[in-house]
N, C-alpha and C. Protein backbone atom coordinates (compact mmCIF):
# COMPACT_ATOMS: atom_id res chain seq x y z
N MET A 1 0.83 -1.19 0.00
CA MET A 1 0.00 0.00 0.00
C MET A 1 0.88 1.25 0.00
N ALA A 2 0.30 2.30 -0.56
CA ALA A 2 1.07 3.54 -0.69
C ALA A 2 0.17 4.74 -0.45
N LEU A 3 0.75 5.77 0.12
CA LEU A 3 0.04 7.03 0.24
C LEU A 3 0.05 7.72 -1.12
N LEU A 4 -1.07 8.27 -1.50
CA LEU A 4 -1.19 8.94 -2.79
C LEU A 4 -1.26 10.45 -2.57
N GLU A 5 -0.79 11.21 -3.55
CA GLU A 5 -0.86 12.65 -3.48
C GLU A 5 -2.29 13.10 -3.81
N ILE A 6 -2.86 13.93 -2.96
CA ILE A 6 -4.20 14.45 -3.20
C ILE A 6 -4.08 15.74 -3.99
N LEU A 7 -4.70 15.75 -5.18
CA LEU A 7 -4.67 16.94 -6.03
C LEU A 7 -5.45 18.07 -5.37
N LYS A 8 -4.97 19.28 -5.57
CA LYS A 8 -5.61 20.45 -4.99
C LYS A 8 -6.20 21.34 -6.10
N TYR A 9 -7.30 22.00 -5.78
CA TYR A 9 -7.89 22.98 -6.67
C TYR A 9 -6.83 24.04 -6.94
N PRO A 10 -6.62 24.46 -8.17
CA PRO A 10 -7.46 24.34 -9.37
C PRO A 10 -6.97 23.28 -10.36
N HIS A 11 -6.42 22.17 -9.91
CA HIS A 11 -5.94 21.14 -10.84
C HIS A 11 -7.06 20.77 -11.82
N PRO A 12 -6.77 20.77 -13.14
CA PRO A 12 -7.83 20.54 -14.15
C PRO A 12 -8.49 19.16 -14.07
N LEU A 13 -7.80 18.16 -13.59
CA LEU A 13 -8.39 16.81 -13.50
C LEU A 13 -9.58 16.79 -12.54
N LEU A 14 -9.60 17.69 -11.58
CA LEU A 14 -10.70 17.73 -10.61
C LEU A 14 -12.02 18.18 -11.24
N LYS A 15 -11.97 18.76 -12.43
CA LYS A 15 -13.17 19.26 -13.10
C LYS A 15 -13.63 18.35 -14.25
N LYS A 16 -12.96 17.20 -14.42
CA LYS A 16 -13.33 16.30 -15.51
C LYS A 16 -14.21 15.17 -15.01
N LYS A 17 -15.18 14.80 -15.85
CA LYS A 17 -16.01 13.64 -15.53
C LYS A 17 -15.15 12.38 -15.70
N CYS A 18 -15.21 11.50 -14.73
CA CYS A 18 -14.37 10.30 -14.73
C CYS A 18 -14.93 9.20 -15.62
N GLU A 19 -14.02 8.33 -16.05
CA GLU A 19 -14.37 7.22 -16.93
C GLU A 19 -14.89 6.03 -16.13
N LYS A 20 -15.84 5.33 -16.71
CA LYS A 20 -16.39 4.12 -16.11
C LYS A 20 -15.30 3.05 -16.05
N VAL A 21 -15.30 2.29 -14.97
CA VAL A 21 -14.36 1.17 -14.82
C VAL A 21 -14.98 -0.04 -15.52
N GLU A 22 -14.28 -0.56 -16.52
CA GLU A 22 -14.82 -1.68 -17.30
C GLU A 22 -14.56 -3.04 -16.64
N ARG A 23 -13.45 -3.11 -15.89
CA ARG A 23 -13.08 -4.41 -15.29
C ARG A 23 -12.41 -4.16 -13.95
N ILE A 24 -12.89 -4.87 -12.93
CA ILE A 24 -12.25 -4.77 -11.62
C ILE A 24 -11.16 -5.84 -11.56
N ASP A 25 -9.93 -5.36 -11.53
CA ASP A 25 -8.79 -6.27 -11.48
C ASP A 25 -7.92 -5.91 -10.28
N GLU A 26 -6.76 -6.53 -10.21
CA GLU A 26 -5.85 -6.29 -9.09
C GLU A 26 -5.40 -4.83 -9.01
N GLU A 27 -5.24 -4.20 -10.15
CA GLU A 27 -4.84 -2.78 -10.18
C GLU A 27 -5.90 -1.90 -9.51
N VAL A 28 -7.17 -2.16 -9.80
CA VAL A 28 -8.27 -1.41 -9.21
C VAL A 28 -8.32 -1.67 -7.70
N ARG A 29 -8.19 -2.93 -7.29
CA ARG A 29 -8.23 -3.26 -5.86
C ARG A 29 -7.05 -2.63 -5.12
N ARG A 30 -5.89 -2.56 -5.74
CA ARG A 30 -4.71 -1.93 -5.13
C ARG A 30 -4.95 -0.43 -4.99
N LEU A 31 -5.53 0.17 -6.02
CA LEU A 31 -5.86 1.60 -5.97
C LEU A 31 -6.81 1.88 -4.80
N ILE A 32 -7.82 1.03 -4.62
CA ILE A 32 -8.77 1.20 -3.53
C ILE A 32 -8.05 1.14 -2.18
N GLN A 33 -7.14 0.18 -2.02
CA GLN A 33 -6.38 0.09 -0.76
C GLN A 33 -5.51 1.32 -0.54
N ASP A 34 -4.88 1.81 -1.61
CA ASP A 34 -4.05 3.02 -1.50
C ASP A 34 -4.92 4.24 -1.16
N MET A 35 -6.11 4.31 -1.75
CA MET A 35 -7.03 5.41 -1.45
C MET A 35 -7.48 5.34 0.01
N ARG A 36 -7.71 4.13 0.50
CA ARG A 36 -8.11 3.94 1.90
C ARG A 36 -7.02 4.46 2.83
N GLU A 37 -5.80 4.06 2.57
CA GLU A 37 -4.67 4.50 3.39
C GLU A 37 -4.53 6.03 3.32
N THR A 38 -4.76 6.58 2.14
CA THR A 38 -4.62 8.01 1.93
C THR A 38 -5.67 8.81 2.72
N ILE A 39 -6.93 8.36 2.74
CA ILE A 39 -7.94 9.13 3.50
C ILE A 39 -7.65 9.06 4.99
N TYR A 40 -7.18 7.92 5.47
CA TYR A 40 -6.86 7.83 6.89
C TYR A 40 -5.71 8.75 7.24
N HIS A 41 -4.69 8.78 6.40
CA HIS A 41 -3.53 9.64 6.63
C HIS A 41 -3.93 11.12 6.60
N ALA A 42 -4.88 11.47 5.72
CA ALA A 42 -5.31 12.87 5.56
C ALA A 42 -6.45 13.23 6.51
N SER A 43 -6.89 12.26 7.32
CA SER A 43 -8.02 12.47 8.25
C SER A 43 -9.29 12.87 7.52
N GLY A 44 -9.52 12.25 6.37
CA GLY A 44 -10.73 12.49 5.60
C GLY A 44 -11.76 11.40 5.83
N ILE A 45 -12.95 11.59 5.27
CA ILE A 45 -13.99 10.56 5.38
C ILE A 45 -14.39 10.01 4.02
N GLY A 46 -13.80 10.57 2.96
CA GLY A 46 -14.11 10.08 1.62
C GLY A 46 -13.08 10.58 0.63
N LEU A 47 -12.98 9.85 -0.47
CA LEU A 47 -12.02 10.21 -1.51
C LEU A 47 -12.47 9.60 -2.83
N ALA A 48 -12.33 10.36 -3.88
CA ALA A 48 -12.63 9.87 -5.23
C ALA A 48 -11.31 9.68 -5.97
N ALA A 49 -11.27 8.72 -6.88
CA ALA A 49 -10.02 8.41 -7.59
C ALA A 49 -9.45 9.62 -8.32
N CYS A 50 -10.31 10.49 -8.85
CA CYS A 50 -9.80 11.67 -9.55
C CYS A 50 -9.01 12.59 -8.62
N GLN A 51 -9.30 12.55 -7.34
CA GLN A 51 -8.58 13.39 -6.39
C GLN A 51 -7.12 12.95 -6.21
N VAL A 52 -6.83 11.73 -6.63
CA VAL A 52 -5.45 11.24 -6.56
C VAL A 52 -4.89 11.04 -7.97
N GLY A 53 -5.50 11.72 -8.95
CA GLY A 53 -4.96 11.74 -10.30
C GLY A 53 -5.38 10.60 -11.19
N ILE A 54 -6.37 9.81 -10.78
CA ILE A 54 -6.86 8.68 -11.59
C ILE A 54 -8.31 8.98 -11.99
N PRO A 55 -8.55 9.35 -13.26
CA PRO A 55 -9.89 9.76 -13.68
C PRO A 55 -10.84 8.57 -13.94
N ARG A 56 -11.08 7.79 -12.87
CA ARG A 56 -11.97 6.63 -12.97
C ARG A 56 -13.04 6.74 -11.90
N ARG A 57 -14.17 6.08 -12.16
CA ARG A 57 -15.33 6.19 -11.27
C ARG A 57 -15.19 5.23 -10.08
N ILE A 58 -14.36 5.64 -9.13
CA ILE A 58 -14.12 4.86 -7.91
C ILE A 58 -14.15 5.82 -6.73
N ILE A 59 -14.90 5.43 -5.68
CA ILE A 59 -14.90 6.23 -4.45
C ILE A 59 -14.67 5.32 -3.25
N VAL A 60 -14.09 5.89 -2.21
CA VAL A 60 -13.97 5.21 -0.92
C VAL A 60 -14.57 6.13 0.13
N VAL A 61 -15.25 5.53 1.11
CA VAL A 61 -15.92 6.30 2.15
C VAL A 61 -15.75 5.58 3.49
N ASP A 62 -15.43 6.35 4.53
CA ASP A 62 -15.40 5.82 5.89
C ASP A 62 -15.78 6.95 6.84
N VAL A 63 -17.03 6.94 7.28
CA VAL A 63 -17.53 8.00 8.16
C VAL A 63 -17.45 7.60 9.63
N THR A 64 -16.72 6.53 9.96
CA THR A 64 -16.67 6.07 11.36
C THR A 64 -16.17 7.12 12.35
N PRO A 65 -15.31 8.09 11.94
CA PRO A 65 -14.95 9.11 12.94
C PRO A 65 -16.16 9.91 13.43
N ILE A 66 -17.20 10.00 12.61
CA ILE A 66 -18.40 10.76 12.95
C ILE A 66 -19.56 9.82 13.31
N ASP A 67 -19.65 8.70 12.63
CA ASP A 67 -20.71 7.72 12.86
C ASP A 67 -20.08 6.33 13.03
N PRO A 68 -19.74 5.95 14.27
CA PRO A 68 -19.05 4.68 14.52
C PRO A 68 -19.82 3.43 14.11
N GLU A 69 -21.11 3.58 13.82
CA GLU A 69 -21.93 2.44 13.39
C GLU A 69 -21.59 1.97 11.98
N LYS A 70 -20.98 2.85 11.20
CA LYS A 70 -20.70 2.56 9.79
C LYS A 70 -19.29 2.00 9.61
N ASP A 71 -19.06 1.33 8.51
CA ASP A 71 -17.75 0.76 8.18
C ASP A 71 -17.24 1.35 6.87
N PHE A 72 -15.93 1.18 6.66
CA PHE A 72 -15.31 1.57 5.40
C PHE A 72 -15.95 0.78 4.25
N PHE A 73 -16.12 1.43 3.10
CA PHE A 73 -16.51 0.71 1.89
C PHE A 73 -15.99 1.46 0.68
N ALA A 74 -15.92 0.74 -0.41
CA ALA A 74 -15.51 1.31 -1.70
C ALA A 74 -16.60 0.98 -2.70
N LEU A 75 -16.82 1.89 -3.64
CA LEU A 75 -17.77 1.65 -4.72
C LEU A 75 -17.13 1.98 -6.05
N VAL A 76 -17.33 1.09 -6.99
CA VAL A 76 -16.85 1.28 -8.36
C VAL A 76 -18.08 1.57 -9.21
N ASN A 77 -17.99 2.60 -10.04
CA ASN A 77 -19.09 3.04 -10.90
C ASN A 77 -20.37 3.32 -10.11
N PRO A 78 -20.28 4.10 -9.02
CA PRO A 78 -21.49 4.37 -8.23
C PRO A 78 -22.45 5.28 -8.97
N GLU A 79 -23.74 5.01 -8.76
CA GLU A 79 -24.77 5.87 -9.33
C GLU A 79 -25.91 6.01 -8.32
N VAL A 80 -26.47 7.20 -8.28
CA VAL A 80 -27.58 7.48 -7.38
C VAL A 80 -28.84 6.84 -7.95
N ILE A 81 -29.51 6.04 -7.11
CA ILE A 81 -30.73 5.35 -7.51
C ILE A 81 -31.95 6.15 -7.05
N SER A 82 -31.89 6.64 -5.81
CA SER A 82 -32.99 7.47 -5.31
C SER A 82 -32.45 8.42 -4.25
N GLU A 83 -33.21 9.49 -4.06
CA GLU A 83 -32.84 10.49 -3.06
C GLU A 83 -34.11 11.16 -2.57
N GLU A 84 -34.06 11.63 -1.32
CA GLU A 84 -35.23 12.33 -0.79
C GLU A 84 -34.83 13.32 0.30
N GLY A 85 -35.70 14.27 0.52
CA GLY A 85 -35.49 15.28 1.55
C GLY A 85 -34.37 16.23 1.18
N GLU A 86 -34.16 17.21 2.05
CA GLU A 86 -33.09 18.18 1.84
C GLU A 86 -32.54 18.59 3.18
N MET A 87 -31.23 18.86 3.20
CA MET A 87 -30.60 19.37 4.41
C MET A 87 -29.43 20.26 4.01
N GLU A 88 -28.96 21.00 4.96
CA GLU A 88 -27.80 21.85 4.73
C GLU A 88 -26.78 21.50 5.81
N HIS A 89 -25.53 21.33 5.38
CA HIS A 89 -24.50 20.90 6.33
C HIS A 89 -23.16 21.50 5.94
N GLU A 90 -22.36 21.80 6.93
CA GLU A 90 -21.01 22.33 6.70
C GLU A 90 -20.13 21.22 6.13
N GLU A 91 -19.49 21.51 4.99
CA GLU A 91 -18.62 20.53 4.34
C GLU A 91 -17.25 21.12 4.07
N GLY A 92 -16.27 20.23 4.04
CA GLY A 92 -14.93 20.59 3.62
C GLY A 92 -14.50 19.60 2.56
N CYS A 93 -13.32 19.78 2.02
CA CYS A 93 -12.84 18.90 0.96
C CYS A 93 -11.33 18.81 0.99
N LEU A 94 -10.80 17.60 0.88
CA LEU A 94 -9.35 17.41 0.87
C LEU A 94 -8.69 18.09 -0.33
N SER A 95 -9.42 18.27 -1.42
CA SER A 95 -8.87 18.90 -2.62
C SER A 95 -9.08 20.42 -2.64
N VAL A 96 -9.85 20.92 -1.70
CA VAL A 96 -10.10 22.36 -1.61
C VAL A 96 -9.79 22.78 -0.17
N PRO A 97 -8.50 22.85 0.18
CA PRO A 97 -8.11 23.12 1.56
C PRO A 97 -8.61 24.48 2.05
N ASP A 98 -8.85 24.53 3.34
CA ASP A 98 -9.28 25.78 4.00
C ASP A 98 -10.58 26.34 3.44
N CYS A 99 -11.42 25.46 2.96
CA CYS A 99 -12.74 25.89 2.48
C CYS A 99 -13.77 25.02 3.20
N SER A 100 -14.52 25.63 4.06
CA SER A 100 -15.57 24.93 4.80
C SER A 100 -16.84 25.77 4.66
N GLU A 101 -17.82 25.20 3.97
CA GLU A 101 -19.04 25.96 3.66
C GLU A 101 -20.28 25.10 3.84
N LYS A 102 -21.40 25.76 4.10
CA LYS A 102 -22.68 25.05 4.16
C LYS A 102 -23.12 24.72 2.74
N VAL A 103 -23.49 23.46 2.55
CA VAL A 103 -23.89 22.97 1.23
C VAL A 103 -25.24 22.26 1.37
N LYS A 104 -26.14 22.51 0.41
CA LYS A 104 -27.42 21.81 0.40
C LYS A 104 -27.23 20.45 -0.26
N ARG A 105 -27.75 19.44 0.41
CA ARG A 105 -27.67 18.06 -0.08
C ARG A 105 -29.01 17.37 0.17
N LYS A 106 -29.16 16.20 -0.44
CA LYS A 106 -30.32 15.36 -0.16
C LYS A 106 -30.11 14.70 1.20
N GLU A 107 -31.20 14.55 1.94
CA GLU A 107 -31.13 14.01 3.30
C GLU A 107 -30.89 12.49 3.31
N LYS A 108 -31.54 11.80 2.37
CA LYS A 108 -31.39 10.35 2.26
C LYS A 108 -31.03 10.03 0.82
N ILE A 109 -30.20 9.01 0.67
CA ILE A 109 -29.75 8.66 -0.68
C ILE A 109 -29.53 7.16 -0.77
N LEU A 110 -29.82 6.61 -1.95
CA LEU A 110 -29.54 5.21 -2.22
C LEU A 110 -28.63 5.17 -3.44
N VAL A 111 -27.49 4.51 -3.28
CA VAL A 111 -26.47 4.45 -4.33
C VAL A 111 -26.20 2.99 -4.68
N ARG A 112 -26.03 2.73 -5.97
CA ARG A 112 -25.72 1.38 -6.45
C ARG A 112 -24.36 1.43 -7.14
N GLY A 113 -23.56 0.39 -6.92
CA GLY A 113 -22.27 0.29 -7.57
C GLY A 113 -21.69 -1.09 -7.36
N LEU A 114 -20.47 -1.26 -7.79
CA LEU A 114 -19.79 -2.55 -7.63
C LEU A 114 -18.85 -2.51 -6.43
N SER A 115 -18.79 -3.62 -5.72
CA SER A 115 -17.83 -3.76 -4.62
C SER A 115 -16.46 -4.06 -5.24
N PRO A 116 -15.38 -3.97 -4.46
CA PRO A 116 -14.05 -4.32 -4.99
C PRO A 116 -13.97 -5.77 -5.49
N GLU A 117 -14.91 -6.60 -5.05
CA GLU A 117 -14.95 -8.00 -5.51
C GLU A 117 -15.77 -8.16 -6.79
N GLY A 118 -16.41 -7.08 -7.23
CA GLY A 118 -17.18 -7.12 -8.47
C GLY A 118 -18.65 -7.42 -8.28
N ASN A 119 -19.14 -7.43 -7.04
CA ASN A 119 -20.55 -7.69 -6.77
C ASN A 119 -21.34 -6.38 -6.79
N MET A 120 -22.53 -6.42 -7.35
CA MET A 120 -23.41 -5.25 -7.35
C MET A 120 -23.93 -5.08 -5.92
N ILE A 121 -23.76 -3.88 -5.38
CA ILE A 121 -24.24 -3.60 -4.02
C ILE A 121 -24.98 -2.26 -4.01
N GLU A 122 -25.83 -2.11 -3.01
CA GLU A 122 -26.52 -0.85 -2.80
C GLU A 122 -26.18 -0.34 -1.41
N VAL A 123 -25.94 0.94 -1.32
CA VAL A 123 -25.63 1.57 -0.04
C VAL A 123 -26.67 2.67 0.18
N SER A 124 -27.33 2.56 1.32
CA SER A 124 -28.33 3.55 1.71
C SER A 124 -27.70 4.44 2.76
N GLY A 125 -27.85 5.74 2.61
CA GLY A 125 -27.24 6.65 3.56
C GLY A 125 -28.14 7.78 3.99
N GLU A 126 -28.00 8.16 5.26
CA GLU A 126 -28.65 9.33 5.82
C GLU A 126 -27.57 10.13 6.54
N GLY A 127 -27.84 11.39 6.78
CA GLY A 127 -26.90 12.21 7.55
C GLY A 127 -25.53 12.29 6.90
N ILE A 128 -24.49 12.10 7.71
CA ILE A 128 -23.12 12.26 7.23
C ILE A 128 -22.78 11.28 6.11
N LEU A 129 -23.33 10.07 6.14
CA LEU A 129 -23.06 9.11 5.07
C LEU A 129 -23.68 9.60 3.76
N ALA A 130 -24.88 10.14 3.81
CA ALA A 130 -25.52 10.69 2.59
C ALA A 130 -24.69 11.83 2.03
N ILE A 131 -24.19 12.69 2.93
CA ILE A 131 -23.37 13.83 2.51
C ILE A 131 -22.09 13.34 1.84
N ALA A 132 -21.40 12.39 2.48
CA ALA A 132 -20.14 11.88 1.93
C ALA A 132 -20.35 11.21 0.57
N LEU A 133 -21.40 10.43 0.44
CA LEU A 133 -21.68 9.78 -0.85
C LEU A 133 -21.92 10.81 -1.94
N GLN A 134 -22.73 11.81 -1.66
CA GLN A 134 -23.03 12.84 -2.66
C GLN A 134 -21.78 13.64 -3.01
N HIS A 135 -20.97 13.95 -2.00
CA HIS A 135 -19.74 14.72 -2.21
C HIS A 135 -18.79 13.96 -3.13
N GLU A 136 -18.58 12.67 -2.87
CA GLU A 136 -17.64 11.88 -3.68
C GLU A 136 -18.18 11.62 -5.08
N ILE A 137 -19.49 11.41 -5.21
CA ILE A 137 -20.08 11.23 -6.54
C ILE A 137 -19.98 12.53 -7.33
N ASP A 138 -20.12 13.67 -6.65
CA ASP A 138 -19.88 14.95 -7.32
C ASP A 138 -18.47 14.95 -7.93
N HIS A 139 -17.48 14.52 -7.14
CA HIS A 139 -16.10 14.51 -7.64
C HIS A 139 -15.96 13.73 -8.94
N ILE A 140 -16.52 12.51 -8.98
CA ILE A 140 -16.34 11.70 -10.20
C ILE A 140 -17.15 12.25 -11.37
N ASN A 141 -18.06 13.19 -11.06
CA ASN A 141 -18.82 13.87 -12.12
C ASN A 141 -18.22 15.23 -12.47
N GLY A 142 -17.03 15.51 -11.92
CA GLY A 142 -16.33 16.75 -12.24
C GLY A 142 -16.81 17.98 -11.49
N MET A 143 -17.48 17.76 -10.35
CA MET A 143 -17.98 18.88 -9.54
C MET A 143 -17.21 18.98 -8.24
N LEU A 144 -16.98 20.21 -7.82
CA LEU A 144 -16.32 20.48 -6.55
C LEU A 144 -17.27 21.18 -5.60
N ILE A 145 -16.90 21.21 -4.35
CA ILE A 145 -17.68 21.94 -3.35
C ILE A 145 -17.85 23.40 -3.78
N LEU A 146 -16.85 23.94 -4.47
CA LEU A 146 -16.92 25.32 -4.94
C LEU A 146 -18.06 25.54 -5.93
N ASP A 147 -18.46 24.49 -6.61
CA ASP A 147 -19.56 24.59 -7.57
C ASP A 147 -20.92 24.63 -6.88
N ARG A 148 -20.94 24.33 -5.59
CA ARG A 148 -22.19 24.27 -4.83
C ARG A 148 -22.37 25.44 -3.87
N ILE A 149 -21.46 26.40 -3.92
CA ILE A 149 -21.59 27.56 -3.05
C ILE A 149 -21.83 28.80 -3.91
N SER A 150 -22.15 29.90 -3.27
CA SER A 150 -22.47 31.12 -4.02
C SER A 150 -21.26 31.62 -4.80
N ARG A 151 -21.53 32.37 -5.84
CA ARG A 151 -20.47 32.94 -6.67
C ARG A 151 -19.56 33.84 -5.84
N LEU A 152 -20.14 34.58 -4.91
CA LEU A 152 -19.37 35.48 -4.06
C LEU A 152 -18.38 34.68 -3.19
N LYS A 153 -18.86 33.63 -2.54
CA LYS A 153 -17.97 32.82 -1.70
C LYS A 153 -16.89 32.14 -2.53
N ARG A 154 -17.26 31.71 -3.74
CA ARG A 154 -16.30 31.08 -4.65
C ARG A 154 -15.20 32.08 -5.01
N GLU A 155 -15.59 33.32 -5.32
CA GLU A 155 -14.61 34.36 -5.68
C GLU A 155 -13.72 34.72 -4.48
N ILE A 156 -14.29 34.76 -3.31
CA ILE A 156 -13.50 35.04 -2.10
C ILE A 156 -12.44 33.96 -1.93
N TYR A 157 -12.83 32.70 -2.13
CA TYR A 157 -11.86 31.60 -2.00
C TYR A 157 -10.77 31.71 -3.07
N ARG A 158 -11.17 31.96 -4.31
CA ARG A 158 -10.18 32.07 -5.40
C ARG A 158 -9.21 33.23 -5.14
N ASN A 159 -9.72 34.35 -4.68
CA ASN A 159 -8.86 35.49 -4.39
C ASN A 159 -7.89 35.19 -3.25
N LYS A 160 -8.36 34.46 -2.27
CA LYS A 160 -7.50 34.04 -1.15
C LYS A 160 -6.35 33.17 -1.67
N LEU A 161 -6.68 32.25 -2.58
CA LEU A 161 -5.64 31.38 -3.18
C LEU A 161 -4.62 32.20 -3.96
N LYS A 162 -5.11 33.14 -4.76
CA LYS A 162 -4.21 33.99 -5.55
C LYS A 162 -3.27 34.78 -4.64
N LYS A 163 -3.81 35.30 -3.57
CA LYS A 163 -3.01 36.06 -2.62
C LYS A 163 -1.93 35.18 -1.99
N GLU A 164 -2.30 33.95 -1.62
CA GLU A 164 -1.34 33.01 -1.03
C GLU A 164 -0.24 32.66 -2.02
N ARG A 165 -0.62 32.46 -3.30
CA ARG A 165 0.37 32.12 -4.32
C ARG A 165 1.37 33.27 -4.53
N ARG A 166 0.85 34.48 -4.58
CA ARG A 166 1.74 35.64 -4.75
C ARG A 166 2.69 35.75 -3.58
N LYS A 167 2.20 35.49 -2.39
CA LYS A 167 3.00 35.54 -1.17
C LYS A 167 4.12 34.49 -1.24
N GLU A 168 3.79 33.27 -1.70
CA GLU A 168 4.77 32.19 -1.83
C GLU A 168 5.82 32.53 -2.89
N GLU A 169 5.39 33.14 -3.99
CA GLU A 169 6.31 33.50 -5.07
C GLU A 169 7.34 34.55 -4.63
N LYS A 170 6.91 35.43 -3.73
CA LYS A 170 7.82 36.46 -3.22
C LYS A 170 8.85 35.89 -2.25
N SER A 171 8.51 34.79 -1.60
CA SER A 171 9.41 34.17 -0.61
C SER A 171 10.57 33.43 -1.23
């Protein structure tokens, strides 16, 4: 297993829709294990393959730091089957550091995808699990948390990044 580098905004790969995984093989299973190790090292609760530079439809989620009842899982080619209700919750993102904003999400969600073993599975989520699933599926669809906040907040974040870059360049 290996720690992977997490891409940061504005890396262009973070805005691309990911490719469907045609075959789950040892390479895909190794990537899932590396992604698992990476989220634990980064203290995250979810990660999409595109965030580590692999534009494929793979996500890993582990919300146990917030909801100990849940376990780690990975989904290949996840798709939303149903959703209901609405909620707003503060979210952050490993690829968009220092950005924590309230985002509107569906309250309950049902997602279908393949397990690392190639079995079709469904994952039902409420609360933090629903948020994490929607957040990671956004990633594989080329969407970032910045796309879900107001234009003003997005511009404030971008200006903050520009200011930090100029500061680093002067050093």
